[in-house]
Amino acid sequence: MFNPSRRETFVLTFGAVFLVIFIAVRFVYTPAIDKRDTLKRQVAQKQSALTQMMISGQRLSQLSEHAHAQTDLLNRRSQSFSLFSFLDTQARQSGVKENVVYMRPFTKDEKNETYTLATVKLKLERVNLKALITFLHHIESSQNSVSISSLSLTLSDKTETQLDAVIETQTLMPKETG
């Protein structure tokens, strides 16, 4: 029979222990570490996604509240409200009526079945800055849910005291039934 010497026994034992450790590391420990790292990454991704969902939920809630507030403003507005006449009144009150070159109204049907987007584009020439600011403030601060969607300013003379302005305003108007 095979009677190994002490040295051979030591080498065989060392080899067997090395082989067992190698197999344990290669097929047990390393996959477990990789799986743990993968799970940590997935947990971090899920936490990030959850945080984004919570932020999106809060934003949606804010937008919903804003939409309800805007709807309330639109419902409280006079039935005879017209964007053109509103801007004409604001121009008169702000002292820029004589500077109005043109006011062009137009409407655009929105996908929303209850409202159309009413827009008025107006041009002011040789208006001083203070009067223009007063006019813009009256438009934006009114409770009629009118907003300025576009504003273009240029100097109208060499003295730099007067401006030319092209302003585009908009608001939602109830669709006329019938």
C-alpha atoms as a PDB file:
ATOM      1  CA  MET A   1       0.000   0.000   0.000  1.00  0.00           C
ATOM      2  CA  PHE A   2       0.785   3.597  -0.295  1.00  0.00           C
ATOM      3  CA  ASN A   3       2.658   4.730   2.744  1.00  0.00           C
ATOM      4  CA  PRO A   4       3.421   8.419   2.296  1.00  0.00           C
ATOM      5  CA  SER A   5       6.256   9.999   4.089  1.00  0.00           C
ATOM      6  CA  ARG A   6       5.771  12.798   6.472  1.00  0.00           C
ATOM      7  CA  ARG A   7       6.778  15.338   3.865  1.00  0.00           C
ATOM      8  CA  GLU A   8       4.347  13.936   1.287  1.00  0.00           C
ATOM      9  CA  THR A   9       1.554  13.940   3.860  1.00  0.00           C
ATOM     10  CA  PHE A  10       2.298  17.584   4.615  1.00  0.00           C
ATOM     11  CA  VAL A  11       2.254  18.510   0.897  1.00  0.00           C
ATOM     12  CA  LEU A  12      -0.980  16.567   0.282  1.00  0.00           C
ATOM     13  CA  THR A  13      -2.613  18.102   3.339  1.00  0.00           C
ATOM     14  CA  PHE A  14      -1.451  21.563   2.327  1.00  0.00           C
ATOM     15  CA  GLY A  15      -2.729  20.998  -1.235  1.00  0.00           C
ATOM     16  CA  ALA A  16      -6.104  19.710  -0.012  1.00  0.00           C
ATOM     17  CA  VAL A  17      -6.496  22.671   2.374  1.00  0.00           C
ATOM     18  CA  PHE A  18      -5.469  25.075  -0.407  1.00  0.00           C
ATOM     19  CA  LEU A  19      -7.952  23.435  -2.803  1.00  0.00           C
ATOM     20  CA  VAL A  20     -10.792  23.640  -0.248  1.00  0.00           C
ATOM     21  CA  ILE A  21      -9.996  27.287   0.502  1.00  0.00           C
ATOM     22  CA  PHE A  22      -9.737  28.094  -3.203  1.00  0.00           C
ATOM     23  CA  ILE A  23     -13.094  26.428  -3.951  1.00  0.00           C
ATOM     24  CA  ALA A  24     -14.721  28.153  -0.958  1.00  0.00           C
ATOM     25  CA  VAL A  25     -13.406  31.558  -2.001  1.00  0.00           C
ATOM     26  CA  ARG A  26     -14.097  31.086  -5.699  1.00  0.00           C
ATOM     27  CA  PHE A  27     -17.554  29.534  -5.507  1.00  0.00           C
ATOM     28  CA  VAL A  28     -18.955  30.717  -2.147  1.00  0.00           C
ATOM     29  CA  TYR A  29     -17.315  33.880  -0.782  1.00  0.00           C
ATOM     30  CA  THR A  30     -16.826  35.843  -4.048  1.00  0.00           C
ATOM     31  CA  PRO A  31     -20.392  35.260  -5.329  1.00  0.00           C
ATOM     32  CA  ALA A  32     -21.776  36.220  -1.908  1.00  0.00           C
ATOM     33  CA  ILE A  33     -19.778  39.485  -1.915  1.00  0.00           C
ATOM     34  CA  ASP A  34     -20.864  40.217  -5.504  1.00  0.00           C
ATOM     35  CA  LYS A  35     -24.490  39.528  -4.609  1.00  0.00           C
ATOM     36  CA  ARG A  36     -24.237  41.792  -1.548  1.00  0.00           C
ATOM     37  CA  ASP A  37     -22.764  44.618  -3.669  1.00  0.00           C
ATOM     38  CA  THR A  38     -25.500  44.139  -6.289  1.00  0.00           C
ATOM     39  CA  LEU A  39     -28.179  44.255  -3.595  1.00  0.00           C
ATOM     40  CA  LYS A  40     -26.642  47.420  -2.097  1.00  0.00           C
ATOM     41  CA  ARG A  41     -26.681  49.076  -5.531  1.00  0.00           C
ATOM     42  CA  GLN A  42     -30.284  48.009  -6.110  1.00  0.00           C
ATOM     43  CA  VAL A  43     -31.336  49.320  -2.685  1.00  0.00           C
ATOM     44  CA  ALA A  44     -29.625  52.664  -3.430  1.00  0.00           C
ATOM     45  CA  GLN A  45     -31.373  52.847  -6.818  1.00  0.00           C
ATOM     46  CA  LYS A  46     -34.743  52.001  -5.273  1.00  0.00           C
ATOM     47  CA  GLN A  47     -34.218  54.642  -2.558  1.00  0.00           C
ATOM     48  CA  SER A  48     -33.339  57.202  -5.216  1.00  0.00           C
ATOM     49  CA  ALA A  49     -36.412  56.244  -7.253  1.00  0.00           C
ATOM     50  CA  LEU A  50     -38.592  56.454  -4.131  1.00  0.00           C
ATOM     51  CA  THR A  51     -37.199  59.899  -3.320  1.00  0.00           C
ATOM     52  CA  GLN A  52     -37.901  61.040  -6.886  1.00  0.00           C
ATOM     53  CA  MET A  53     -41.433  59.632  -6.674  1.00  0.00           C
ATOM     54  CA  MET A  54     -42.049  61.486  -3.412  1.00  0.00           C
ATOM     55  CA  ILE A  55     -40.730  64.735  -4.913  1.00  0.00           C
ATOM     56  CA  SER A  56     -42.871  64.188  -8.013  1.00  0.00           C
ATOM     57  CA  GLY A  57     -45.900  63.493  -5.814  1.00  0.00           C
ATOM     58  CA  GLN A  58     -45.351  66.717  -3.895  1.00  0.00           C
ATOM     59  CA  ARG A  59     -44.907  68.646  -7.143  1.00  0.00           C
ATOM     60  CA  LEU A  60     -48.076  67.080  -8.555  1.00  0.00           C
ATOM     61  CA  SER A  61     -49.948  68.060  -5.397  1.00  0.00           C
ATOM     62  CA  GLN A  62     -48.664  71.643  -5.688  1.00  0.00           C
ATOM     63  CA  LEU A  63     -49.615  71.807  -9.359  1.00  0.00           C
ATOM     64  CA  SER A  64     -53.051  70.423  -8.583  1.00  0.00           C
ATOM     65  CA  GLU A  65     -53.569  73.052  -5.874  1.00  0.00           C
ATOM     66  CA  HIS A  66     -52.372  75.750  -8.281  1.00  0.00           C
ATOM     67  CA  ALA A  67     -54.735  74.495 -10.986  1.00  0.00           C
ATOM     68  CA  HIS A  68     -57.663  74.577  -8.565  1.00  0.00           C
ATOM     69  CA  ALA A  69     -56.712  78.106  -7.489  1.00  0.00           C
ATOM     70  CA  GLN A  70     -56.509  79.214 -11.143  1.00  0.00           C
ATOM     71  CA  THR A  71     -59.866  77.611 -11.890  1.00  0.00           C
ATOM     72  CA  ASP A  72     -61.366  79.455  -8.925  1.00  0.00           C
ATOM     73  CA  LEU A  73     -59.907  82.739 -10.226  1.00  0.00           C
ATOM     74  CA  LEU A  74     -61.350  82.068 -13.675  1.00  0.00           C
ATOM     75  CA  ASN A  75     -64.753  81.222 -12.211  1.00  0.00           C
ATOM     76  CA  ARG A  76     -64.811  84.394 -10.068  1.00  0.00           C
ATOM     77  CA  ARG A  77     -63.926  86.594 -13.034  1.00  0.00           C
ATOM     78  CA  SER A  78     -66.774  88.590 -14.568  1.00  0.00           C
ATOM     79  CA  GLN A  79     -68.664  86.821 -17.361  1.00  0.00           C
ATOM     80  CA  SER A  80     -68.217  89.905 -19.545  1.00  0.00           C
ATOM     81  CA  PHE A  81     -64.406  89.890 -19.126  1.00  0.00           C
ATOM     82  CA  SER A  82     -62.384  90.329 -22.304  1.00  0.00           C
ATOM     83  CA  LEU A  83     -58.598  90.408 -22.436  1.00  0.00           C
ATOM     84  CA  PHE A  84     -58.594  93.213 -25.015  1.00  0.00           C
ATOM     85  CA  SER A  85     -60.756  95.550 -22.922  1.00  0.00           C
ATOM     86  CA  PHE A  86     -58.839  94.617 -19.760  1.00  0.00           C
ATOM     87  CA  LEU A  87     -55.533  95.639 -21.395  1.00  0.00           C
ATOM     88  CA  ASP A  88     -57.120  98.815 -22.770  1.00  0.00           C
ATOM     89  CA  THR A  89     -58.280  99.759 -19.262  1.00  0.00           C
ATOM     90  CA  GLN A  90     -54.880  98.968 -17.746  1.00  0.00           C
ATOM     91  CA  ALA A  91     -53.123 101.061 -20.426  1.00  0.00           C
ATOM     92  CA  ARG A  92     -55.406 104.003 -19.657  1.00  0.00           C
ATOM     93  CA  GLN A  93     -54.874 103.676 -15.882  1.00  0.00           C
ATOM     94  CA  SER A  94     -51.085 103.349 -16.297  1.00  0.00           C
ATOM     95  CA  GLY A  95     -50.800 106.346 -18.596  1.00  0.00           C
ATOM     96  CA  VAL A  96     -49.504 104.431 -21.624  1.00  0.00           C
ATOM     97  CA  LYS A  97     -52.711 104.525 -23.699  1.00  0.00           C
ATOM     98  CA  GLU A  98     -51.322 107.223 -26.026  1.00  0.00           C
ATOM     99  CA  ASN A  99     -48.202 105.076 -26.623  1.00  0.00           C
ATOM    100  CA  VAL A 100     -50.153 102.047 -27.921  1.00  0.00           C
ATOM    101  CA  VAL A 101     -49.410 101.489 -31.615  1.00  0.00           C
ATOM    102  CA  TYR A 102     -51.509  98.345 -32.001  1.00  0.00           C
ATOM    103  CA  MET A 103     -53.331  95.645 -30.071  1.00  0.00           C
ATOM    104  CA  ARG A 104     -53.888  92.366 -31.915  1.00  0.00           C
ATOM    105  CA  PRO A 105     -56.161  89.797 -30.265  1.00  0.00           C
ATOM    106  CA  PHE A 106     -56.304  86.133 -31.233  1.00  0.00           C
ATOM    107  CA  THR A 107     -57.460  82.901 -29.633  1.00  0.00           C
ATOM    108  CA  LYS A 108     -56.196  79.361 -29.743  1.00  0.00           C
ATOM    109  CA  ASP A 109     -58.294  76.330 -28.942  1.00  0.00           C
ATOM    110  CA  GLU A 110     -56.661  74.248 -26.260  1.00  0.00           C
ATOM    111  CA  LYS A 111     -57.065  70.501 -25.904  1.00  0.00           C
ATOM    112  CA  ASN A 112     -59.023  71.320 -22.776  1.00  0.00           C
ATOM    113  CA  GLU A 113     -62.683  71.221 -23.681  1.00  0.00           C
ATOM    114  CA  THR A 114     -63.730  74.076 -21.395  1.00  0.00           C
ATOM    115  CA  TYR A 115     -61.226  76.851 -22.161  1.00  0.00           C
ATOM    116  CA  THR A 116     -59.588  78.644 -25.063  1.00  0.00           C
ATOM    117  CA  LEU A 117     -56.331  80.552 -24.817  1.00  0.00           C
ATOM    118  CA  ALA A 118     -56.967  84.242 -25.508  1.00  0.00           C
ATOM    119  CA  THR A 119     -53.880  86.229 -26.470  1.00  0.00           C
ATOM    120  CA  VAL A 120     -53.366  89.904 -27.172  1.00  0.00           C
ATOM    121  CA  LYS A 121     -50.131  91.221 -28.643  1.00  0.00           C
ATOM    122  CA  LEU A 122     -49.585  94.941 -28.209  1.00  0.00           C
ATOM    123  CA  LYS A 123     -46.877  97.370 -29.162  1.00  0.00           C
ATOM    124  CA  LEU A 124     -45.947 100.488 -27.241  1.00  0.00           C
ATOM    125  CA  GLU A 125     -43.661 103.171 -28.673  1.00  0.00           C
ATOM    126  CA  ARG A 126     -41.701 105.862 -26.850  1.00  0.00           C
ATOM    127  CA  VAL A 127     -42.927 104.905 -23.387  1.00  0.00           C
ATOM    128  CA  ASN A 128     -40.961 105.840 -20.284  1.00  0.00           C
ATOM    129  CA  LEU A 129     -39.738 103.056 -18.029  1.00  0.00           C
ATOM    130  CA  LYS A 130     -41.794 103.998 -14.978  1.00  0.00           C
ATOM    131  CA  ALA A 131     -45.082 104.000 -16.918  1.00  0.00           C
ATOM    132  CA  LEU A 132     -44.163 100.676 -18.556  1.00  0.00           C
ATOM    133  CA  ILE A 133     -43.391  99.087 -15.197  1.00  0.00           C
ATOM    134  CA  THR A 134     -46.687 100.365 -13.794  1.00  0.00           C
ATOM    135  CA  PHE A 135     -48.544  98.912 -16.791  1.00  0.00           C
ATOM    136  CA  LEU A 136     -46.832  95.517 -16.461  1.00  0.00           C
ATOM    137  CA  HIS A 137     -47.469  95.458 -12.714  1.00  0.00           C
ATOM    138  CA  HIS A 138     -51.197  96.172 -13.231  1.00  0.00           C
ATOM    139  CA  ILE A 139     -51.416  93.286 -15.690  1.00  0.00           C
ATOM    140  CA  GLU A 140     -49.568  90.715 -13.601  1.00  0.00           C
ATOM    141  CA  SER A 141     -51.054  91.662 -10.223  1.00  0.00           C
ATOM    142  CA  SER A 142     -54.684  91.657 -11.277  1.00  0.00           C
ATOM    143  CA  GLN A 143     -57.008  88.949 -10.003  1.00  0.00           C
ATOM    144  CA  ASN A 144     -58.087  88.147 -13.574  1.00  0.00           C
ATOM    145  CA  SER A 145     -55.470  85.432 -14.157  1.00  0.00           C
ATOM    146  CA  VAL A 146     -53.739  87.325 -16.968  1.00  0.00           C
ATOM    147  CA  SER A 147     -50.054  86.675 -17.586  1.00  0.00           C
ATOM    148  CA  ILE A 148     -47.355  88.159 -19.776  1.00  0.00           C
ATOM    149  CA  SER A 149     -45.980  85.434 -22.013  1.00  0.00           C
ATOM    150  CA  SER A 150     -43.524  87.539 -24.003  1.00  0.00           C
ATOM    151  CA  LEU A 151     -41.838  90.910 -23.595  1.00  0.00           C
ATOM    152  CA  SER A 152     -39.422  92.563 -25.996  1.00  0.00           C
ATOM    153  CA  LEU A 153     -37.824  95.922 -25.175  1.00  0.00           C
ATOM    154  CA  THR A 154     -35.699  98.214 -27.353  1.00  0.00           C
ATOM    155  CA  LEU A 155     -34.461 101.761 -26.922  1.00  0.00           C
ATOM    156  CA  SER A 156     -36.573 104.118 -28.986  1.00  0.00           C
ATOM    157  CA  ASP A 157     -34.226 107.095 -29.130  1.00  0.00           C
ATOM    158  CA  LYS A 158     -30.635 108.116 -28.520  1.00  0.00           C
ATOM    159  CA  THR A 159     -31.414 109.710 -25.148  1.00  0.00           C
ATOM    160  CA  GLU A 160     -32.073 106.293 -23.579  1.00  0.00           C
ATOM    161  CA  THR A 161     -35.110 107.612 -21.700  1.00  0.00           C
ATOM    162  CA  GLN A 162     -37.834 105.963 -23.744  1.00  0.00           C
ATOM    163  CA  LEU A 163     -38.466 102.393 -24.817  1.00  0.00           C
ATOM    164  CA  ASP A 164     -40.391 100.535 -27.470  1.00  0.00           C
ATOM    165  CA  ALA A 165     -42.097  97.417 -26.125  1.00  0.00           C
ATOM    166  CA  VAL A 166     -43.850  94.459 -27.695  1.00  0.00           C
ATOM    167  CA  ILE A 167     -45.880  92.607 -25.090  1.00  0.00           C
ATOM    168  CA  GLU A 168     -47.812  89.393 -25.509  1.00  0.00           C
ATOM    169  CA  THR A 169     -50.390  88.611 -22.826  1.00  0.00           C
ATOM    170  CA  GLN A 170     -52.592  85.593 -22.395  1.00  0.00           C
ATOM    171  CA  THR A 171     -55.388  84.170 -20.295  1.00  0.00           C
ATOM    172  CA  LEU A 172     -57.805  81.276 -20.421  1.00  0.00           C
ATOM    173  CA  MET A 173     -61.342  82.091 -21.451  1.00  0.00           C
ATOM    174  CA  PRO A 174     -64.389  79.819 -21.128  1.00  0.00           C
ATOM    175  CA  LYS A 175     -65.375  78.327 -24.475  1.00  0.00           C
ATOM    176  CA  GLU A 176     -68.579  79.675 -25.845  1.00  0.00           C
ATOM    177  CA  THR A 177     -71.205  76.982 -26.072  1.00  0.00           C
ATOM    178  CA  GLY A 178     -73.600  76.922 -28.913  1.00  0.00           C
END
